C-alpha atoms as a PDB file:
ATOM      1  CA  MET A   1       3.863  19.520  -7.569  1.00  0.00           C
ATOM      2  CA  LYS A   2       1.704  17.365  -9.829  1.00  0.00           C
ATOM      3  CA  THR A   3       2.690  13.707  -9.845  1.00  0.00           C
ATOM      4  CA  LYS A   4       3.532  12.546 -13.380  1.00  0.00           C
ATOM      5  CA  ARG A   5       4.495   9.017 -12.437  1.00  0.00           C
ATOM      6  CA  ASN A   6       4.755   7.153  -9.201  1.00  0.00           C
ATOM      7  CA  HIS A   7       6.035   3.688  -8.385  1.00  0.00           C
ATOM      8  CA  TYR A   8       6.039   2.338  -4.893  1.00  0.00           C
ATOM      9  CA  LEU A   9       7.737  -0.665  -6.467  1.00  0.00           C
ATOM     10  CA  SER A  10      10.322   0.068  -9.158  1.00  0.00           C
ATOM     11  CA  ARG A  11       9.128  -0.347 -12.733  1.00  0.00           C
ATOM     12  CA  PHE A  12      11.978  -2.699 -13.619  1.00  0.00           C
ATOM     13  CA  PHE A  13      10.793  -5.135 -10.928  1.00  0.00           C
ATOM     14  CA  SER A  14       7.442  -5.512 -12.668  1.00  0.00           C
ATOM     15  CA  ASN A  15       9.144  -5.790 -16.072  1.00  0.00           C
ATOM     16  CA  ASN A  16      11.174  -8.751 -14.797  1.00  0.00           C
ATOM     17  CA  PHE A  17       7.864 -10.485 -14.049  1.00  0.00           C
ATOM     18  CA  ARG A  18       6.459  -9.751 -17.524  1.00  0.00           C
ATOM     19  CA  THR A  19       7.676 -12.906 -19.251  1.00  0.00           C
ATOM     20  CA  GLU A  20       5.435 -12.398 -22.293  1.00  0.00           C
ATOM     21  CA  LYS A  21       5.637  -8.965 -23.928  1.00  0.00           C
ATOM     22  CA  GLY A  22       2.285  -7.406 -24.707  1.00  0.00           C
ATOM     23  CA  LYS A  23       0.410  -9.762 -22.384  1.00  0.00           C
ATOM     24  CA  PRO A  24      -1.470  -8.009 -19.548  1.00  0.00           C
ATOM     25  CA  MET A  25      -0.756  -8.649 -15.884  1.00  0.00           C
ATOM     26  CA  TRP A  26      -3.493  -9.753 -13.523  1.00  0.00           C
ATOM     27  CA  LEU A  27      -3.782  -7.932 -10.211  1.00  0.00           C
ATOM     28  CA  LEU A  28      -5.143  -9.416  -6.980  1.00  0.00           C
ATOM     29  CA  ASP A  29      -6.231  -7.050  -4.212  1.00  0.00           C
ATOM     30  CA  CYS A  30      -5.767  -9.157  -1.088  1.00  0.00           C
ATOM     31  CA  THR A  31      -8.045  -6.927   0.996  1.00  0.00           C
ATOM     32  CA  ASN A  32     -11.131  -8.037  -0.921  1.00  0.00           C
ATOM     33  CA  GLY A  33     -10.071 -10.785  -3.347  1.00  0.00           C
ATOM     34  CA  LYS A  34     -10.843  -8.631  -6.402  1.00  0.00           C
ATOM     35  CA  VAL A  35      -8.982  -9.591  -9.591  1.00  0.00           C
ATOM     36  CA  THR A  36      -8.512  -7.235 -12.546  1.00  0.00           C
ATOM     37  CA  ASN A  37      -6.174  -6.595 -15.468  1.00  0.00           C
ATOM     38  CA  ARG A  38      -6.898  -2.873 -15.542  1.00  0.00           C
ATOM     39  CA  GLY A  39      -4.133  -0.467 -14.550  1.00  0.00           C
ATOM     40  CA  THR A  40      -1.343  -3.032 -14.830  1.00  0.00           C
ATOM     41  CA  GLY A  41       0.796  -1.430 -17.539  1.00  0.00           C
ATOM     42  CA  GLU A  42       4.421  -0.403 -17.063  1.00  0.00           C
ATOM     43  CA  ASP A  43       3.440   3.126 -16.067  1.00  0.00           C
ATOM     44  CA  SER A  44       0.433   2.242 -13.930  1.00  0.00           C
ATOM     45  CA  LEU A  45       1.083  -0.936 -11.914  1.00  0.00           C
ATOM     46  CA  PHE A  46       0.998  -0.087  -8.180  1.00  0.00           C
ATOM     47  CA  MET A  47       1.040   3.585  -9.207  1.00  0.00           C
ATOM     48  CA  LYS A  48      -1.454   4.755  -6.579  1.00  0.00           C
ATOM     49  CA  ARG A  49      -0.126   2.502  -3.840  1.00  0.00           C
ATOM     50  CA  ARG A  50       1.158   4.663  -0.958  1.00  0.00           C
ATOM     51  CA  ILE A  51       1.549   7.551  -3.365  1.00  0.00           C
ATOM     52  CA  TRP A  52       4.191  10.258  -2.904  1.00  0.00           C
ATOM     53  CA  GLU A  53       5.059  13.518  -4.626  1.00  0.00           C
ATOM     54  CA  GLN A  54       6.891  13.610  -7.948  1.00  0.00           C
ATOM     55  CA  SER A  55       9.935  15.300  -6.401  1.00  0.00           C
ATOM     56  CA  LEU A  56      10.409  12.358  -4.032  1.00  0.00           C
ATOM     57  CA  GLU A  57       9.826   9.895  -6.882  1.00  0.00           C
ATOM     58  CA  ASP A  58      12.646  11.568  -8.833  1.00  0.00           C
ATOM     59  CA  LEU A  59      15.016  11.327  -5.857  1.00  0.00           C
ATOM     60  CA  PHE A  60      14.034   7.701  -5.313  1.00  0.00           C
ATOM     61  CA  GLU A  61      14.910   6.948  -8.936  1.00  0.00           C
ATOM     62  CA  GLN A  62      18.245   8.768  -8.819  1.00  0.00           C
ATOM     63  CA  LYS A  63      19.495   7.618  -5.410  1.00  0.00           C
ATOM     64  CA  ILE A  64      18.125   4.091  -5.032  1.00  0.00           C
ATOM     65  CA  GLU A  65      16.282   2.654  -8.018  1.00  0.00           C
ATOM     66  CA  ASN A  66      19.133   2.917 -10.543  1.00  0.00           C
ATOM     67  CA  ASN A  67      21.581   1.161  -8.192  1.00  0.00           C
ATOM     68  CA  THR A  68      19.092  -1.607  -7.455  1.00  0.00           C
ATOM     69  CA  LYS A  69      18.354  -2.177 -11.135  1.00  0.00           C
ATOM     70  CA  GLN A  70      22.031  -2.627 -12.004  1.00  0.00           C
ATOM     71  CA  LEU A  71      22.492  -5.329  -9.369  1.00  0.00           C
ATOM     72  CA  VAL A  72      19.252  -7.180 -10.152  1.00  0.00           C
ATOM     73  CA  ASP A  73      19.997  -7.167 -13.879  1.00  0.00           C
ATOM     74  CA  SER A  74      23.472  -8.472 -13.100  1.00  0.00           C
ATOM     75  CA  VAL A  75      22.090 -11.354 -11.025  1.00  0.00           C
ATOM     76  CA  LEU A  76      19.618 -12.364 -13.731  1.00  0.00           C
ATOM     77  CA  ASN A  77      22.435 -12.466 -16.281  1.00  0.00           C
ATOM     78  CA  LEU A  78      24.984 -14.428 -14.250  1.00  0.00           C
ATOM     79  CA  PRO A  79      26.414 -17.564 -15.941  1.00  0.00           C
ATOM     80  CA  LEU A  80      24.916 -20.107 -13.536  1.00  0.00           C
ATOM     81  CA  ASN A  81      24.480 -23.863 -13.774  1.00  0.00           C
ATOM     82  CA  THR A  82      21.219 -25.294 -15.067  1.00  0.00           C
ATOM     83  CA  VAL A  83      18.573 -25.865 -12.386  1.00  0.00           C
ATOM     84  CA  ALA A  84      18.472 -29.534 -11.394  1.00  0.00           C
ATOM     85  CA  GLY A  85      15.382 -30.872  -9.631  1.00  0.00           C
ATOM     86  CA  SER A  86      12.890 -28.491  -8.056  1.00  0.00           C
ATOM     87  CA  PHE A  87      15.343 -25.683  -7.306  1.00  0.00           C
ATOM     88  CA  THR A  88      19.003 -24.798  -6.996  1.00  0.00           C
ATOM     89  CA  VAL A  89      20.944 -22.465  -4.685  1.00  0.00           C
ATOM     90  CA  ASP A  90      23.968 -20.347  -5.599  1.00  0.00           C
ATOM     91  CA  ARG A  91      26.047 -18.162  -3.272  1.00  0.00           C
ATOM     92  CA  LEU A  92      26.369 -14.627  -4.658  1.00  0.00           C
ATOM     93  CA  ALA A  93      29.278 -12.199  -4.450  1.00  0.00           C
ATOM     94  CA  GLU A  94      29.442  -9.788  -1.526  1.00  0.00           C
ATOM     95  CA  LYS A  95      28.389  -6.788  -3.625  1.00  0.00           C
ATOM     96  CA  TYR A  96      24.878  -8.187  -3.983  1.00  0.00           C
ATOM     97  CA  SER A  97      24.235  -7.761  -0.268  1.00  0.00           C
ATOM     98  CA  MET A  98      23.719  -4.075  -1.125  1.00  0.00           C
ATOM     99  CA  LEU A  99      20.344  -5.051  -2.584  1.00  0.00           C
ATOM    100  CA  TYR A 100      19.130  -5.498   0.974  1.00  0.00           C
ATOM    101  CA  THR A 101      20.280  -1.974   1.874  1.00  0.00           C
ATOM    102  CA  TYR A 102      18.643  -0.424  -1.185  1.00  0.00           C
ATOM    103  CA  GLN A 103      15.318  -2.120  -0.498  1.00  0.00           C
ATOM    104  CA  MET A 104      15.349  -1.118   3.173  1.00  0.00           C
ATOM    105  CA  GLN A 105      16.017   2.429   2.006  1.00  0.00           C
ATOM    106  CA  SER A 106      12.982   2.201  -0.264  1.00  0.00           C
ATOM    107  CA  ILE A 107      10.803   1.182   2.677  1.00  0.00           C
ATOM    108  CA  MET A 108      12.216   3.971   4.843  1.00  0.00           C
ATOM    109  CA  LEU A 109      11.462   6.497   2.110  1.00  0.00           C
ATOM    110  CA  GLN A 110       7.827   5.472   2.378  1.00  0.00           C
ATOM    111  CA  LEU A 111       7.955   6.174   6.117  1.00  0.00           C
ATOM    112  CA  SER A 112       9.770   9.457   5.488  1.00  0.00           C
ATOM    113  CA  ASN A 113       7.045  10.454   3.093  1.00  0.00           C
ATOM    114  CA  ARG A 114       4.450   9.799   5.780  1.00  0.00           C
ATOM    115  CA  ASP A 115       6.461  11.798   8.306  1.00  0.00           C
ATOM    116  CA  LYS A 116       6.916  14.580   5.775  1.00  0.00           C
ATOM    117  CA  ALA A 117       3.165  14.901   5.375  1.00  0.00           C
ATOM    118  CA  GLN A 118       2.815  15.249   9.135  1.00  0.00           C
ATOM    119  CA  SER A 119       5.793  17.488   9.940  1.00  0.00           C
ATOM    120  CA  GLN A 120       6.652  19.206   6.641  1.00  0.00           C
ATOM    121  CA  VAL A 121      10.067  17.531   6.305  1.00  0.00           C
ATOM    122  CA  ASN A 122      11.391  18.383   2.839  1.00  0.00           C
ATOM    123  CA  ASP A 123      12.327  15.751   0.266  1.00  0.00           C
ATOM    124  CA  GLU A 124      16.065  16.377   0.306  1.00  0.00           C
ATOM    125  CA  HIS A 125      16.148  16.016   4.078  1.00  0.00           C
ATOM    126  CA  ALA A 126      14.069  12.842   3.954  1.00  0.00           C
ATOM    127  CA  VAL A 127      16.359  11.224   1.378  1.00  0.00           C
ATOM    128  CA  ALA A 128      19.524  12.315   3.186  1.00  0.00           C
ATOM    129  CA  ARG A 129      18.238  10.835   6.444  1.00  0.00           C
ATOM    130  CA  VAL A 130      17.440   7.540   4.746  1.00  0.00           C
ATOM    131  CA  LEU A 131      20.704   7.241   2.830  1.00  0.00           C
ATOM    132  CA  HIS A 132      22.749   7.824   5.964  1.00  0.00           C
ATOM    133  CA  SER A 133      20.804   5.363   8.096  1.00  0.00           C
ATOM    134  CA  ASN A 134      22.672   2.316   9.370  1.00  0.00           C
ATOM    135  CA  MET A 135      21.122  -0.608   7.508  1.00  0.00           C
ATOM    136  CA  VAL A 136      23.588  -3.466   7.703  1.00  0.00           C
ATOM    137  CA  PRO A 137      22.733  -6.502   5.543  1.00  0.00           C
ATOM    138  CA  PRO A 138      22.132  -9.701   7.571  1.00  0.00           C
ATOM    139  CA  CYS A 139      24.843 -11.495   5.572  1.00  0.00           C
ATOM    140  CA  ASN A 140      27.936 -10.722   3.535  1.00  0.00           C
ATOM    141  CA  HIS A 141      27.119 -13.183   0.772  1.00  0.00           C
ATOM    142  CA  PRO A 142      23.419 -13.573  -0.099  1.00  0.00           C
ATOM    143  CA  PHE A 143      22.071 -16.653  -1.858  1.00  0.00           C
ATOM    144  CA  LEU A 144      20.218 -16.933  -5.140  1.00  0.00           C
ATOM    145  CA  ILE A 145      17.391 -19.493  -5.133  1.00  0.00           C
ATOM    146  CA  ARG A 146      16.129 -20.492  -8.580  1.00  0.00           C
ATOM    147  CA  PHE A 147      13.070 -22.676  -9.108  1.00  0.00           C
ATOM    148  CA  ASN A 148      12.593 -25.034 -12.036  1.00  0.00           C
ATOM    149  CA  HIS A 149      10.554 -23.023 -14.547  1.00  0.00           C
ATOM    150  CA  VAL A 150       9.181 -26.193 -16.132  1.00  0.00           C
ATOM    151  CA  LEU A 151       7.938 -27.792 -12.912  1.00  0.00           C
ATOM    152  CA  PHE A 152       6.438 -24.537 -11.610  1.00  0.00           C
ATOM    153  CA  ALA A 153       5.230 -22.925 -14.832  1.00  0.00           C
ATOM    154  CA  ASP A 154       1.663 -22.871 -13.498  1.00  0.00           C
ATOM    155  CA  LYS A 155       2.640 -21.623 -10.011  1.00  0.00           C
ATOM    156  CA  PRO A 156       5.451 -19.079 -10.413  1.00  0.00           C
ATOM    157  CA  LEU A 157       6.616 -16.539  -7.871  1.00  0.00           C
ATOM    158  CA  VAL A 158       4.235 -13.582  -8.004  1.00  0.00           C
ATOM    159  CA  LEU A 159       5.054  -9.879  -7.848  1.00  0.00           C
ATOM    160  CA  ILE A 160       3.960  -8.234  -4.587  1.00  0.00           C
ATOM    161  CA  ASP A 161       4.030  -4.480  -3.972  1.00  0.00           C
ATOM    162  CA  ASN A 162       6.627  -4.972  -1.218  1.00  0.00           C
ATOM    163  CA  ALA A 163       9.851  -6.207  -2.814  1.00  0.00           C
ATOM    164  CA  VAL A 164      11.388  -7.517   0.429  1.00  0.00           C
ATOM    165  CA  SER A 165       9.773  -9.919   2.887  1.00  0.00           C
ATOM    166  CA  ALA A 166      10.935 -10.979   6.347  1.00  0.00           C
ATOM    167  CA  TYR A 167      11.083 -14.581   7.509  1.00  0.00           C
ATOM    168  CA  VAL A 168      11.537 -15.656  11.131  1.00  0.00           C
ATOM    169  CA  THR A 169      13.446 -18.910  11.564  1.00  0.00           C
ATOM    170  CA  PRO A 170      12.521 -21.049  14.589  1.00  0.00           C
ATOM    171  CA  PRO A 171      14.700 -20.865  17.750  1.00  0.00           C
ATOM    172  CA  LEU A 172      17.570 -23.324  18.015  1.00  0.00           C
ATOM    173  CA  ASN A 173      16.591 -24.252  21.581  1.00  0.00           C
ATOM    174  CA  SER A 174      14.273 -23.227  24.414  1.00  0.00           C
ATOM    175  CA  ASN A 175      16.704 -20.550  25.601  1.00  0.00           C
ATOM    176  CA  SER A 176      17.075 -18.798  22.257  1.00  0.00           C
ATOM    177  CA  ALA A 177      14.811 -16.675  20.115  1.00  0.00           C
ATOM    178  CA  GLY A 178      14.045 -17.028  16.426  1.00  0.00           C
ATOM    179  CA  SER A 179      16.193 -15.054  14.011  1.00  0.00           C
ATOM    180  CA  ILE A 180      15.056 -12.805  11.171  1.00  0.00           C
ATOM    181  CA  CYS A 181      16.229 -13.145   7.590  1.00  0.00           C
ATOM    182  CA  PHE A 182      14.915 -11.583   4.375  1.00  0.00           C
ATOM    183  CA  PHE A 183      14.157 -12.603   0.815  1.00  0.00           C
ATOM    184  CA  MET A 184      13.422 -10.713  -2.377  1.00  0.00           C
ATOM    185  CA  PRO A 185      11.844 -12.331  -5.487  1.00  0.00           C
ATOM    186  CA  ILE A 186      13.374 -10.822  -8.631  1.00  0.00           C
ATOM    187  CA  SER A 187      11.653 -12.887 -11.329  1.00  0.00           C
ATOM    188  CA  PRO A 188       8.917 -15.559 -11.577  1.00  0.00           C
ATOM    189  CA  TYR A 189      11.507 -18.243 -10.755  1.00  0.00           C
ATOM    190  CA  SER A 190      14.312 -16.460  -8.869  1.00  0.00           C
ATOM    191  CA  LEU A 191      14.708 -14.862  -5.445  1.00  0.00           C
ATOM    192  CA  ILE A 192      17.606 -13.533  -3.385  1.00  0.00           C
ATOM    193  CA  PHE A 193      17.910 -14.718   0.211  1.00  0.00           C
ATOM    194  CA  PHE A 194      19.646 -12.552   2.820  1.00  0.00           C
ATOM    195  CA  GLY A 195      20.694 -14.674   5.772  1.00  0.00           C
ATOM    196  CA  SER A 196      23.010 -17.410   7.030  1.00  0.00           C
ATOM    197  CA  SER A 197      23.292 -20.911   5.596  1.00  0.00           C
ATOM    198  CA  VAL A 198      21.427 -22.245   8.650  1.00  0.00           C
ATOM    199  CA  GLN A 199      18.579 -19.791   8.075  1.00  0.00           C
ATOM    200  CA  LEU A 200      18.535 -20.782   4.424  1.00  0.00           C
ATOM    201  CA  GLU A 201      18.073 -24.435   5.349  1.00  0.00           C
ATOM    202  CA  CYS A 202      15.155 -23.525   7.638  1.00  0.00           C
ATOM    203  CA  PHE A 203      13.589 -21.408   4.924  1.00  0.00           C
ATOM    204  CA  LEU A 204      13.865 -24.076   2.241  1.00  0.00           C
ATOM    205  CA  PHE A 205      12.534 -26.738   4.597  1.00  0.00           C
ATOM    206  CA  SER A 206       9.225 -24.883   5.006  1.00  0.00           C
ATOM    207  CA  LYS A 207       9.110 -22.941   1.705  1.00  0.00           C
ATOM    208  CA  ARG A 208      10.327 -25.420  -0.880  1.00  0.00           C
ATOM    209  CA  TYR A 209       7.813 -24.354  -3.536  1.00  0.00           C
ATOM    210  CA  PRO A 210       6.863 -20.973  -5.036  1.00  0.00           C
ATOM    211  CA  HIS A 211       3.247 -21.362  -3.953  1.00  0.00           C
ATOM    212  CA  ALA A 212       4.204 -21.706  -0.280  1.00  0.00           C
ATOM    213  CA  ILE A 213       6.297 -18.524  -0.574  1.00  0.00           C
ATOM    214  CA  ASN A 214       3.485 -16.627  -2.307  1.00  0.00           C
ATOM    215  CA  ILE A 215       0.927 -17.562   0.350  1.00  0.00           C
ATOM    216  CA  TYR A 216       3.350 -16.699   3.148  1.00  0.00           C
ATOM    217  CA  ARG A 217       4.018 -13.252   1.690  1.00  0.00           C
ATOM    218  CA  ILE A 218       0.327 -12.539   1.183  1.00  0.00           C
ATOM    219  CA  LEU A 219      -0.561 -13.566   4.733  1.00  0.00           C
ATOM    220  CA  GLN A 220       2.277 -11.736   6.471  1.00  0.00           C
ATOM    221  CA  GLU A 221       1.088  -8.534   4.802  1.00  0.00           C
ATOM    222  CA  ASP A 222      -2.171  -8.988   6.742  1.00  0.00           C
ATOM    223  CA  LYS A 223      -3.901  -9.228   3.391  1.00  0.00           C
ATOM    224  CA  GLN A 224      -3.209  -5.530   2.683  1.00  0.00           C
ATOM    225  CA  CYS A 225      -0.918  -6.196  -0.281  1.00  0.00           C
ATOM    226  CA  LEU A 226      -1.431  -6.200  -4.021  1.00  0.00           C
ATOM    227  CA  VAL A 227      -0.259  -9.210  -6.051  1.00  0.00           C
ATOM    228  CA  ALA A 228       0.403  -9.349  -9.802  1.00  0.00           C
ATOM    229  CA  SER A 229       1.251 -12.010 -12.387  1.00  0.00           C
ATOM    230  CA  GLN A 230       0.653 -12.664 -16.072  1.00  0.00           C
ATOM    231  CA  ASN A 231      -0.825 -16.035 -15.120  1.00  0.00           C
ATOM    232  CA  GLU A 232      -4.530 -15.205 -14.801  1.00  0.00           C
ATOM    233  CA  THR A 233      -5.540 -18.730 -13.770  1.00  0.00           C
ATOM    234  CA  TYR A 234      -3.043 -18.774 -10.930  1.00  0.00           C
ATOM    235  CA  ILE A 235      -3.974 -15.305  -9.672  1.00  0.00           C
ATOM    236  CA  ARG A 236      -7.660 -16.243  -9.564  1.00  0.00           C
ATOM    237  CA  TRP A 237      -6.738 -19.465  -7.758  1.00  0.00           C
ATOM    238  CA  LEU A 238      -4.708 -17.506  -5.182  1.00  0.00           C
ATOM    239  CA  ALA A 239      -7.710 -15.245  -4.641  1.00  0.00           C
ATOM    240  CA  THR A 240      -9.862 -18.210  -3.608  1.00  0.00           C
ATOM    241  CA  LYS A 241      -7.213 -19.694  -1.324  1.00  0.00           C
ATOM    242  CA  CYS A 242      -5.913 -16.780   0.728  1.00  0.00           C
ATOM    243  CA  LYS A 243      -9.347 -15.552   1.817  1.00  0.00           C
ATOM    244  CA  TYR A 244      -9.778 -18.688   3.948  1.00  0.00           C
ATOM    245  CA  LYS A 245      -6.716 -18.021   6.074  1.00  0.00           C
ATOM    246  CA  SER A 246      -5.464 -15.480   8.593  1.00  0.00           C
ATOM    247  CA  PHE A 247      -1.977 -14.798   9.932  1.00  0.00           C
ATOM    248  CA  SER A 248      -1.008 -14.711  13.592  1.00  0.00           C
ATOM    249  CA  SER A 249       2.333 -14.125  15.277  1.00  0.00           C
ATOM    250  CA  LYS A 250       2.664 -17.863  15.881  1.00  0.00           C
ATOM    251  CA  ALA A 251       1.231 -19.624  12.869  1.00  0.00           C
ATOM    252  CA  VAL A 252      -0.827 -19.565   9.725  1.00  0.00           C
ATOM    253  CA  VAL A 253      -4.279 -20.480  10.981  1.00  0.00           C
ATOM    254  CA  PRO A 254      -6.904 -21.952   8.624  1.00  0.00           C
ATOM    255  CA  LYS A 255     -10.334 -20.355   8.843  1.00  0.00           C
ATOM    256  CA  SER A 256     -11.846 -23.513   7.453  1.00  0.00           C
ATOM    257  CA  ASN A 257     -11.035 -27.209   7.351  1.00  0.00           C
ATOM    258  CA  ARG A 258      -9.471 -26.829   3.925  1.00  0.00           C
ATOM    259  CA  ASN A 259      -5.717 -27.242   3.670  1.00  0.00           C
ATOM    260  CA  PHE A 260      -3.927 -25.538   0.804  1.00  0.00           C
ATOM    261  CA  ILE A 261      -0.214 -25.502   1.608  1.00  0.00           C
END
């Protein structure tokens, strides 16, 4: 079946990051540092990234994307207090923890699509397997972190082709291991954090600013990700910074003496 449209990342996610209508987005390919504004429209952004067949795209939209959009739109329209200082944190209702499940299902659909190409698993079977998988959110009540849009107007959260990122908090003592939590940017100044209050404190201690989060996400993707924003200056600046660093299992290791974070 010919693919009419294809979005590894839901279209509404990119629209939430389009703060100025009619203004193009700028795309950074982290594999080579190339920056372009071509192919960044609503119907084309990330279109060829990990492409799948149209039939699977339709099922993705019906079973997962519509549910995710309703919750994200709801979060962005909540009557919250004005951001004071650099950022503010609000605890969300339990229903928003389903955003974690929906995004994990999106990732698993990508894997199902790969398996389908290798073993001829049909689309309906792939979706059914994903939707019935046990993906328990790491918390009952996620947190909403909102950054001050005035202070960080020149360094907003950027859109990356993976909506959800993992973060490993340090171990509490020598006999324990680090714990994994997750976060999902939903606009240039807002992200949802899935984890405990202790994990949240660890996250905010090391990632207090949008730039630190952007660099972390780029590096943990092993520089295979695509990054988009309407802020051309910032995207070009990110392109010059991330190429000097590499990511290891233990730390972000500079490849030069320059320090950017």
